[in-house]
């Protein structure tokens, strides 16, 4: 199942890149993912703890906002990373 999922993700990426000449949304999708590993890994460098909350959509972010705010209140010394994917 993991191989199937990985294959679908790779296919989606290829299709998005093929759509770049025709779609501004595809261009933004591809541009926004460049260097994502480096950007995320920069949060784990250095001292302190990191809380990473990933939301699948903007709606899930809104639902998770109280949890995020509680973490920030109770752990002010932690770095907070919030990511979401909303096409």
PDB file of N, CA and C in Angstrom:
ATOM      1  N   UNK A   1       0.821  -1.193   0.000  1.00  0.00           N
ATOM      2  CA  UNK A   1       0.000   0.000   0.000  1.00  0.00           C
ATOM      3  C   UNK A   1       0.867   1.261   0.000  1.00  0.00           C
ATOM      4  N   UNK A   2       1.975   1.224   0.756  1.00  0.00           N
ATOM      5  CA  UNK A   2       2.857   2.388   0.805  1.00  0.00           C
ATOM      6  C   UNK A   2       3.437   2.683  -0.581  1.00  0.00           C
ATOM      7  N   UNK A   3       3.801   1.645  -1.309  1.00  0.00           N
ATOM      8  CA  UNK A   3       4.347   1.820  -2.652  1.00  0.00           C
ATOM      9  C   UNK A   3       3.303   2.442  -3.574  1.00  0.00           C
ATOM     10  N   UNK A   4       2.070   1.994  -3.465  1.00  0.00           N
ATOM     11  CA  UNK A   4       0.978   2.537  -4.272  1.00  0.00           C
ATOM     12  C   UNK A   4       0.790   4.026  -3.975  1.00  0.00           C
ATOM     13  N   UNK A   5       0.751   4.372  -2.691  1.00  0.00           N
ATOM     14  CA  UNK A   5       0.577   5.769  -2.276  1.00  0.00           C
ATOM     15  C   UNK A   5       1.737   6.628  -2.776  1.00  0.00           C
ATOM     16  N   UNK A   6       2.954   6.146  -2.592  1.00  0.00           N
ATOM     17  CA  UNK A   6       4.133   6.886  -3.040  1.00  0.00           C
ATOM     18  C   UNK A   6       4.097   7.094  -4.552  1.00  0.00           C
ATOM     19  N   UNK A   7       3.668   6.074  -5.273  1.00  0.00           N
ATOM     20  CA  UNK A   7       3.547   6.186  -6.724  1.00  0.00           C
ATOM     21  C   UNK A   7       2.518   7.227  -7.137  1.00  0.00           C
ATOM     22  N   UNK A   8       1.390   7.264  -6.434  1.00  0.00           N
ATOM     23  CA  UNK A   8       0.363   8.263  -6.746  1.00  0.00           C
ATOM     24  C   UNK A   8       0.855   9.681  -6.468  1.00  0.00           C
ATOM     25  N   UNK A   9       1.585   9.851  -5.389  1.00  0.00           N
ATOM     26  CA  UNK A   9       2.134  11.173  -5.070  1.00  0.00           C
ATOM     27  C   UNK A   9       3.117  11.602  -6.162  1.00  0.00           C
ATOM     28  N   UNK A  10       3.963  10.683  -6.601  1.00  0.00           N
ATOM     29  CA  UNK A  10       4.921  10.998  -7.668  1.00  0.00           C
ATOM     30  C   UNK A  10       4.185  11.346  -8.961  1.00  0.00           C
ATOM     31  N   UNK A  11       3.145  10.601  -9.290  1.00  0.00           N
ATOM     32  CA  UNK A  11       2.358  10.877 -10.489  1.00  0.00           C
ATOM     33  C   UNK A  11       1.696  12.250 -10.401  1.00  0.00           C
ATOM     34  N   UNK A  12       1.153  12.575  -9.244  1.00  0.00           N
ATOM     35  CA  UNK A  12       0.516  13.881  -9.047  1.00  0.00           C
ATOM     36  C   UNK A  12       1.533  15.002  -9.250  1.00  0.00           C
ATOM     37  N   UNK A  13       2.732  14.808  -8.726  1.00  0.00           N
ATOM     38  CA  UNK A  13       3.780  15.810  -8.867  1.00  0.00           C
ATOM     39  C   UNK A  13       4.158  16.012 -10.334  1.00  0.00           C
ATOM     40  N   UNK A  14       4.285  14.924 -11.068  1.00  0.00           N
ATOM     41  CA  UNK A  14       4.612  15.013 -12.497  1.00  0.00           C
ATOM     42  C   UNK A  14       3.496  15.734 -13.249  1.00  0.00           C
ATOM     43  N   UNK A  15       2.256  15.401 -12.926  1.00  0.00           N
ATOM     44  CA  UNK A  15       1.123  16.038 -13.602  1.00  0.00           C
ATOM     45  C   UNK A  15       1.056  17.534 -13.280  1.00  0.00           C
ATOM     46  N   UNK A  16       1.348  17.896 -12.039  1.00  0.00           N
ATOM     47  CA  UNK A  16       1.338  19.318 -11.665  1.00  0.00           C
ATOM     48  C   UNK A  16       2.415  20.073 -12.434  1.00  0.00           C
ATOM     49  N   UNK A  17       3.578  19.468 -12.563  1.00  0.00           N
ATOM     50  CA  UNK A  17       4.659  20.119 -13.313  1.00  0.00           C
ATOM     51  C   UNK A  17       4.302  20.253 -14.796  1.00  0.00           C
ATOM     52  N   UNK A  18       3.611  19.258 -15.325  1.00  0.00           N
ATOM     53  CA  UNK A  18       3.193  19.323 -16.729  1.00  0.00           C
ATOM     54  C   UNK A  18       2.150  20.417 -16.946  1.00  0.00           C
ATOM     55  N   UNK A  19       1.400  20.750 -15.906  1.00  0.00           N
ATOM     56  CA  UNK A  19       0.347  21.766 -16.018  1.00  0.00           C
ATOM     57  C   UNK A  19       0.866  23.191 -15.837  1.00  0.00           C
ATOM     58  N   UNK A  20       2.125  23.355 -15.475  1.00  0.00           N
ATOM     59  CA  UNK A  20       2.683  24.689 -15.205  1.00  0.00           C
ATOM     60  C   UNK A  20       2.420  25.691 -16.334  1.00  0.00           C
ATOM     61  N   UNK A  21       2.621  25.322 -17.596  1.00  0.00           N
ATOM     62  CA  UNK A  21       2.388  26.321 -18.651  1.00  0.00           C
ATOM     63  C   UNK A  21       0.927  26.771 -18.775  1.00  0.00           C
ATOM     64  N   UNK A  22       0.017  25.980 -18.239  1.00  0.00           N
ATOM     65  CA  UNK A  22      -1.404  26.253 -18.427  1.00  0.00           C
ATOM     66  C   UNK A  22      -2.124  26.743 -17.171  1.00  0.00           C
ATOM     67  N   UNK A  23      -1.474  26.645 -16.015  1.00  0.00           N
ATOM     68  CA  UNK A  23      -2.185  26.917 -14.768  1.00  0.00           C
ATOM     69  C   UNK A  23      -1.315  27.679 -13.768  1.00  0.00           C
ATOM     70  N   UNK A  24      -1.791  28.846 -13.368  1.00  0.00           N
ATOM     71  CA  UNK A  24      -1.081  29.623 -12.344  1.00  0.00           C
ATOM     72  C   UNK A  24      -1.097  28.875 -11.013  1.00  0.00           C
ATOM     73  N   UNK A  25      -2.179  28.160 -10.746  1.00  0.00           N
ATOM     74  CA  UNK A  25      -2.279  27.398  -9.500  1.00  0.00           C
ATOM     75  C   UNK A  25      -1.216  26.299  -9.456  1.00  0.00           C
ATOM     76  N   UNK A  26      -0.989  25.628 -10.578  1.00  0.00           N
ATOM     77  CA  UNK A  26       0.050  24.593 -10.639  1.00  0.00           C
ATOM     78  C   UNK A  26       1.430  25.213 -10.427  1.00  0.00           C
ATOM     79  N   UNK A  27       1.663  26.389 -11.011  1.00  0.00           N
ATOM     80  CA  UNK A  27       2.958  27.072 -10.813  1.00  0.00           C
ATOM     81  C   UNK A  27       3.180  27.385  -9.340  1.00  0.00           C
ATOM     82  N   UNK A  28       2.143  27.899  -8.673  1.00  0.00           N
ATOM     83  CA  UNK A  28       2.271  28.212  -7.245  1.00  0.00           C
ATOM     84  C   UNK A  28       2.498  26.943  -6.430  1.00  0.00           C
ATOM     85  N   UNK A  29       1.822  25.853  -6.798  1.00  0.00           N
ATOM     86  CA  UNK A  29       1.959  24.581  -6.086  1.00  0.00           C
ATOM     87  C   UNK A  29       3.402  24.093  -6.153  1.00  0.00           C
ATOM     88  N   UNK A  30       3.969  24.117  -7.351  1.00  0.00           N
ATOM     89  CA  UNK A  30       5.342  23.641  -7.532  1.00  0.00           C
ATOM     90  C   UNK A  30       6.327  24.572  -6.826  1.00  0.00           C
ATOM     91  N   UNK A  31       6.167  25.883  -7.011  1.00  0.00           N
ATOM     92  CA  UNK A  31       7.069  26.854  -6.369  1.00  0.00           C
ATOM     93  C   UNK A  31       7.017  26.756  -4.850  1.00  0.00           C
ATOM     94  N   UNK A  32       5.838  26.577  -4.310  1.00  0.00           N
ATOM     95  CA  UNK A  32       5.671  26.529  -2.860  1.00  0.00           C
ATOM     96  C   UNK A  32       6.297  25.316  -2.210  1.00  0.00           C
ATOM     97  N   UNK A  33       6.563  24.287  -2.985  1.00  0.00           N
ATOM     98  CA  UNK A  33       7.147  23.072  -2.428  1.00  0.00           C
ATOM     99  C   UNK A  33       8.654  22.988  -2.591  1.00  0.00           C
ATOM    100  N   UNK A  34       9.222  23.932  -3.309  1.00  0.00           N
ATOM    101  CA  UNK A  34      10.687  23.932  -3.456  1.00  0.00           C
ATOM    102  C   UNK A  34      11.335  24.221  -2.107  1.00  0.00           C
ATOM    103  N   UNK A  35      12.268  23.388  -1.733  1.00  0.00           N
ATOM    104  CA  UNK A  35      13.030  23.603  -0.510  1.00  0.00           C
ATOM    105  C   UNK A  35      12.261  23.369   0.781  1.00  0.00           C
ATOM    106  N   UNK A  36      11.147  22.630   0.719  1.00  0.00           N
ATOM    107  CA  UNK A  36      10.333  22.448   1.926  1.00  0.00           C
ATOM    108  C   UNK A  36      11.076  21.692   3.015  1.00  0.00           C
ATOM    109  N   UNK A  37      11.911  20.736   2.643  1.00  0.00           N
ATOM    110  CA  UNK A  37      12.651  19.989   3.673  1.00  0.00           C
ATOM    111  C   UNK A  37      13.600  20.904   4.442  1.00  0.00           C
ATOM    112  N   UNK A  38      14.292  21.758   3.712  1.00  0.00           N
ATOM    113  CA  UNK A  38      15.232  22.675   4.358  1.00  0.00           C
ATOM    114  C   UNK A  38      14.495  23.664   5.261  1.00  0.00           C
ATOM    115  N   UNK A  39      13.354  24.175   4.774  1.00  0.00           N
ATOM    116  CA  UNK A  39      12.597  25.133   5.589  1.00  0.00           C
ATOM    117  C   UNK A  39      12.099  24.488   6.874  1.00  0.00           C
ATOM    118  N   UNK A  40      11.576  23.271   6.778  1.00  0.00           N
ATOM    119  CA  UNK A  40      11.078  22.612   7.986  1.00  0.00           C
ATOM    120  C   UNK A  40      12.212  22.189   8.910  1.00  0.00           C
ATOM    121  N   UNK A  41      13.314  21.719   8.351  1.00  0.00           N
ATOM    122  CA  UNK A  41      14.413  21.267   9.207  1.00  0.00           C
ATOM    123  C   UNK A  41      15.051  22.431   9.960  1.00  0.00           C
ATOM    124  N   UNK A  42      14.912  23.645   9.437  1.00  0.00           N
ATOM    125  CA  UNK A  42      15.495  24.791  10.128  1.00  0.00           C
ATOM    126  C   UNK A  42      14.848  25.011  11.492  1.00  0.00           C
ATOM    127  N   UNK A  43      13.623  24.546  11.680  1.00  0.00           N
ATOM    128  CA  UNK A  43      12.955  24.706  12.968  1.00  0.00           C
ATOM    129  C   UNK A  43      13.516  23.773  14.028  1.00  0.00           C
ATOM    130  N   UNK A  44      14.095  22.665  13.616  1.00  0.00           N
ATOM    131  CA  UNK A  44      14.606  21.707  14.592  1.00  0.00           C
ATOM    132  C   UNK A  44      16.054  21.985  14.990  1.00  0.00           C
ATOM    133  N   UNK A  45      16.682  22.940  14.343  1.00  0.00           N
ATOM    134  CA  UNK A  45      18.062  23.283  14.697  1.00  0.00           C
ATOM    135  C   UNK A  45      18.070  24.152  15.951  1.00  0.00           C
ATOM    136  N   UNK A  46      19.082  23.996  16.726  1.00  0.00           N
ATOM    137  CA  UNK A  46      19.223  24.858  17.892  1.00  0.00           C
ATOM    138  C   UNK A  46      18.576  24.280  19.132  1.00  0.00           C
ATOM    139  N   UNK A  47      18.388  25.147  20.085  1.00  0.00           N
ATOM    140  CA  UNK A  47      17.875  24.750  21.388  1.00  0.00           C
ATOM    141  C   UNK A  47      16.354  24.759  21.415  1.00  0.00           C
ATOM    142  N   UNK A  48      15.813  24.065  22.370  1.00  0.00           N
ATOM    143  CA  UNK A  48      14.385  24.122  22.625  1.00  0.00           C
ATOM    144  C   UNK A  48      13.578  23.077  21.890  1.00  0.00           C
ATOM    145  N   UNK A  49      12.357  22.972  22.320  1.00  0.00           N
ATOM    146  CA  UNK A  49      11.432  22.000  21.744  1.00  0.00           C
ATOM    147  C   UNK A  49      10.606  22.658  20.650  1.00  0.00           C
ATOM    148  N   UNK A  50      10.095  21.803  19.763  1.00  0.00           N
ATOM    149  CA  UNK A  50       9.288  22.273  18.641  1.00  0.00           C
ATOM    150  C   UNK A  50       7.972  21.506  18.640  1.00  0.00           C
ATOM    151  N   UNK A  51       6.878  22.225  18.512  1.00  0.00           N
ATOM    152  CA  UNK A  51       5.570  21.597  18.317  1.00  0.00           C
ATOM    153  C   UNK A  51       5.173  21.832  16.867  1.00  0.00           C
ATOM    154  N   UNK A  52       4.923  20.750  16.145  1.00  0.00           N
ATOM    155  CA  UNK A  52       4.549  20.854  14.738  1.00  0.00           C
ATOM    156  C   UNK A  52       3.116  20.374  14.600  1.00  0.00           C
ATOM    157  N   UNK A  53       2.258  21.243  14.116  1.00  0.00           N
ATOM    158  CA  UNK A  53       0.854  20.913  13.895  1.00  0.00           C
ATOM    159  C   UNK A  53       0.600  21.020  12.397  1.00  0.00           C
ATOM    160  N   UNK A  54       0.167  19.923  11.790  1.00  0.00           N
ATOM    161  CA  UNK A  54      -0.154  19.943  10.364  1.00  0.00           C
ATOM    162  C   UNK A  54      -1.655  19.789  10.192  1.00  0.00           C
ATOM    163  N   UNK A  55      -2.234  20.672   9.420  1.00  0.00           N
ATOM    164  CA  UNK A  55      -3.665  20.633   9.128  1.00  0.00           C
ATOM    165  C   UNK A  55      -3.828  20.376   7.634  1.00  0.00           C
ATOM    166  N   UNK A  56      -4.753  19.506   7.290  1.00  0.00           N
ATOM    167  CA  UNK A  56      -4.935  19.149   5.885  1.00  0.00           C
ATOM    168  C   UNK A  56      -5.610  20.260   5.090  1.00  0.00           C
ATOM    169  N   UNK A  57      -6.270  21.173   5.771  1.00  0.00           N
ATOM    170  CA  UNK A  57      -6.969  22.239   5.054  1.00  0.00           C
ATOM    171  C   UNK A  57      -7.083  23.460   5.956  1.00  0.00           C
ATOM    172  N   UNK A  58      -7.501  24.553   5.367  1.00  0.00           N
ATOM    173  CA  UNK A  58      -7.708  25.765   6.147  1.00  0.00           C
ATOM    174  C   UNK A  58      -8.813  25.553   7.180  1.00  0.00           C
ATOM    175  N   UNK A  59      -9.831  24.785   6.823  1.00  0.00           N
ATOM    176  CA  UNK A  59     -10.908  24.477   7.769  1.00  0.00           C
ATOM    177  C   UNK A  59     -10.407  23.708   8.978  1.00  0.00           C
ATOM    178  N   UNK A  60      -9.523  22.741   8.751  1.00  0.00           N
ATOM    179  CA  UNK A  60      -8.946  21.998   9.876  1.00  0.00           C
ATOM    180  C   UNK A  60      -8.065  22.901  10.726  1.00  0.00           C
ATOM    181  N   UNK A  61      -7.388  23.844  10.089  1.00  0.00           N
ATOM    182  CA  UNK A  61      -6.598  24.809  10.851  1.00  0.00           C
ATOM    183  C   UNK A  61      -7.504  25.593  11.794  1.00  0.00           C
ATOM    184  N   UNK A  62      -8.632  26.058  11.274  1.00  0.00           N
ATOM    185  CA  UNK A  62      -9.566  26.818  12.112  1.00  0.00           C
ATOM    186  C   UNK A  62     -10.078  25.963  13.270  1.00  0.00           C
ATOM    187  N   UNK A  63     -10.338  24.685  13.017  1.00  0.00           N
ATOM    188  CA  UNK A  63     -10.794  23.797  14.089  1.00  0.00           C
ATOM    189  C   UNK A  63      -9.684  23.537  15.104  1.00  0.00           C
ATOM    190  N   UNK A  64      -8.443  23.483  14.630  1.00  0.00           N
ATOM    191  CA  UNK A  64      -7.320  23.200  15.513  1.00  0.00           C
ATOM    192  C   UNK A  64      -6.757  24.417  16.215  1.00  0.00           C
ATOM    193  N   UNK A  65      -7.224  25.584  15.832  1.00  0.00           N
ATOM    194  CA  UNK A  65      -6.693  26.824  16.405  1.00  0.00           C
ATOM    195  C   UNK A  65      -6.733  26.848  17.937  1.00  0.00           C
ATOM    196  N   UNK A  66      -7.810  26.407  18.600  1.00  0.00           N
ATOM    197  CA  UNK A  66      -7.799  26.409  20.072  1.00  0.00           C
ATOM    198  C   UNK A  66      -6.679  25.541  20.654  1.00  0.00           C
ATOM    199  N   UNK A  67      -6.384  24.424  20.011  1.00  0.00           N
ATOM    200  CA  UNK A  67      -5.301  23.553  20.478  1.00  0.00           C
ATOM    201  C   UNK A  67      -3.959  24.262  20.309  1.00  0.00           C
ATOM    202  N   UNK A  68      -3.770  24.889  19.157  1.00  0.00           N
ATOM    203  CA  UNK A  68      -2.531  25.613  18.880  1.00  0.00           C
ATOM    204  C   UNK A  68      -2.339  26.738  19.895  1.00  0.00           C
ATOM    205  N   UNK A  69      -3.400  27.483  20.154  1.00  0.00           N
ATOM    206  CA  UNK A  69      -3.316  28.586  21.115  1.00  0.00           C
ATOM    207  C   UNK A  69      -3.022  28.083  22.524  1.00  0.00           C
ATOM    208  N   UNK A  70      -3.587  26.937  22.892  1.00  0.00           N
ATOM    209  CA  UNK A  70      -3.326  26.371  24.217  1.00  0.00           C
ATOM    210  C   UNK A  70      -1.863  25.950  24.347  1.00  0.00           C
ATOM    211  N   UNK A  71      -1.328  25.328  23.302  1.00  0.00           N
ATOM    212  CA  UNK A  71       0.090  24.941  23.327  1.00  0.00           C
ATOM    213  C   UNK A  71       0.956  26.185  23.502  1.00  0.00           C
ATOM    214  N   UNK A  72       0.633  27.241  22.774  1.00  0.00           N
ATOM    215  CA  UNK A  72       1.429  28.476  22.870  1.00  0.00           C
ATOM    216  C   UNK A  72       1.356  29.086  24.267  1.00  0.00           C
ATOM    217  N   UNK A  73       0.181  29.029  24.896  1.00  0.00           N
ATOM    218  CA  UNK A  73       0.043  29.574  26.253  1.00  0.00           C
ATOM    219  C   UNK A  73       0.801  28.734  27.273  1.00  0.00           C
ATOM    220  N   UNK A  74       0.674  27.404  27.160  1.00  0.00           N
ATOM    221  CA  UNK A  74       1.265  26.517  28.157  1.00  0.00           C
ATOM    222  C   UNK A  74       2.749  26.252  27.929  1.00  0.00           C
ATOM    223  N   UNK A  75       3.218  26.430  26.716  1.00  0.00           N
ATOM    224  CA  UNK A  75       4.626  26.180  26.379  1.00  0.00           C
ATOM    225  C   UNK A  75       5.205  27.368  25.614  1.00  0.00           C
ATOM    226  N   UNK A  76       5.293  28.538  26.229  1.00  0.00           N
ATOM    227  CA  UNK A  76       5.756  29.725  25.498  1.00  0.00           C
ATOM    228  C   UNK A  76       7.200  29.622  25.011  1.00  0.00           C
ATOM    229  N   UNK A  77       7.975  28.713  25.600  1.00  0.00           N
ATOM    230  CA  UNK A  77       9.369  28.560  25.190  1.00  0.00           C
ATOM    231  C   UNK A  77       9.525  27.636  23.981  1.00  0.00           C
ATOM    232  N   UNK A  78       8.467  26.961  23.575  1.00  0.00           N
ATOM    233  CA  UNK A  78       8.533  26.061  22.422  1.00  0.00           C
ATOM    234  C   UNK A  78       8.382  26.855  21.130  1.00  0.00           C
ATOM    235  N   UNK A  79       9.078  26.397  20.099  1.00  0.00           N
ATOM    236  CA  UNK A  79       8.840  26.928  18.759  1.00  0.00           C
ATOM    237  C   UNK A  79       7.567  26.263  18.231  1.00  0.00           C
ATOM    238  N   UNK A  80       6.771  27.014  17.518  1.00  0.00           N
ATOM    239  CA  UNK A  80       5.529  26.472  16.959  1.00  0.00           C
ATOM    240  C   UNK A  80       5.618  26.496  15.440  1.00  0.00           C
ATOM    241  N   UNK A  81       5.397  25.344  14.827  1.00  0.00           N
ATOM    242  CA  UNK A  81       5.366  25.239  13.372  1.00  0.00           C
ATOM    243  C   UNK A  81       3.972  24.757  12.994  1.00  0.00           C
ATOM    244  N   UNK A  82       3.293  25.537  12.173  1.00  0.00           N
ATOM    245  CA  UNK A  82       1.963  25.157  11.700  1.00  0.00           C
ATOM    246  C   UNK A  82       2.016  25.090  10.179  1.00  0.00           C
ATOM    247  N   UNK A  83       1.658  23.934   9.644  1.00  0.00           N
ATOM    248  CA  UNK A  83       1.623  23.766   8.196  1.00  0.00           C
ATOM    249  C   UNK A  83       0.233  23.300   7.801  1.00  0.00           C
ATOM    250  N   UNK A  84      -0.145  23.650   6.585  1.00  0.00           N
ATOM    251  CA  UNK A  84      -1.395  23.113   6.057  1.00  0.00           C
ATOM    252  C   UNK A  84      -1.333  23.085   4.550  1.00  0.00           C
ATOM    253  N   UNK A  85      -2.166  22.243   3.994  1.00  0.00           N
ATOM    254  CA  UNK A  85      -2.257  22.116   2.547  1.00  0.00           C
ATOM    255  C   UNK A  85      -3.695  22.398   2.168  1.00  0.00           C
ATOM    256  N   UNK A  86      -3.890  23.453   1.448  1.00  0.00           N
ATOM    257  CA  UNK A  86      -5.231  23.798   1.003  1.00  0.00           C
ATOM    258  C   UNK A  86      -5.133  24.246  -0.447  1.00  0.00           C
ATOM    259  N   UNK A  87      -5.426  23.328  -1.374  1.00  0.00           N
ATOM    260  CA  UNK A  87      -5.235  23.663  -2.793  1.00  0.00           C
ATOM    261  C   UNK A  87      -6.143  24.775  -3.286  1.00  0.00           C
TER     262      UNK A  87
END
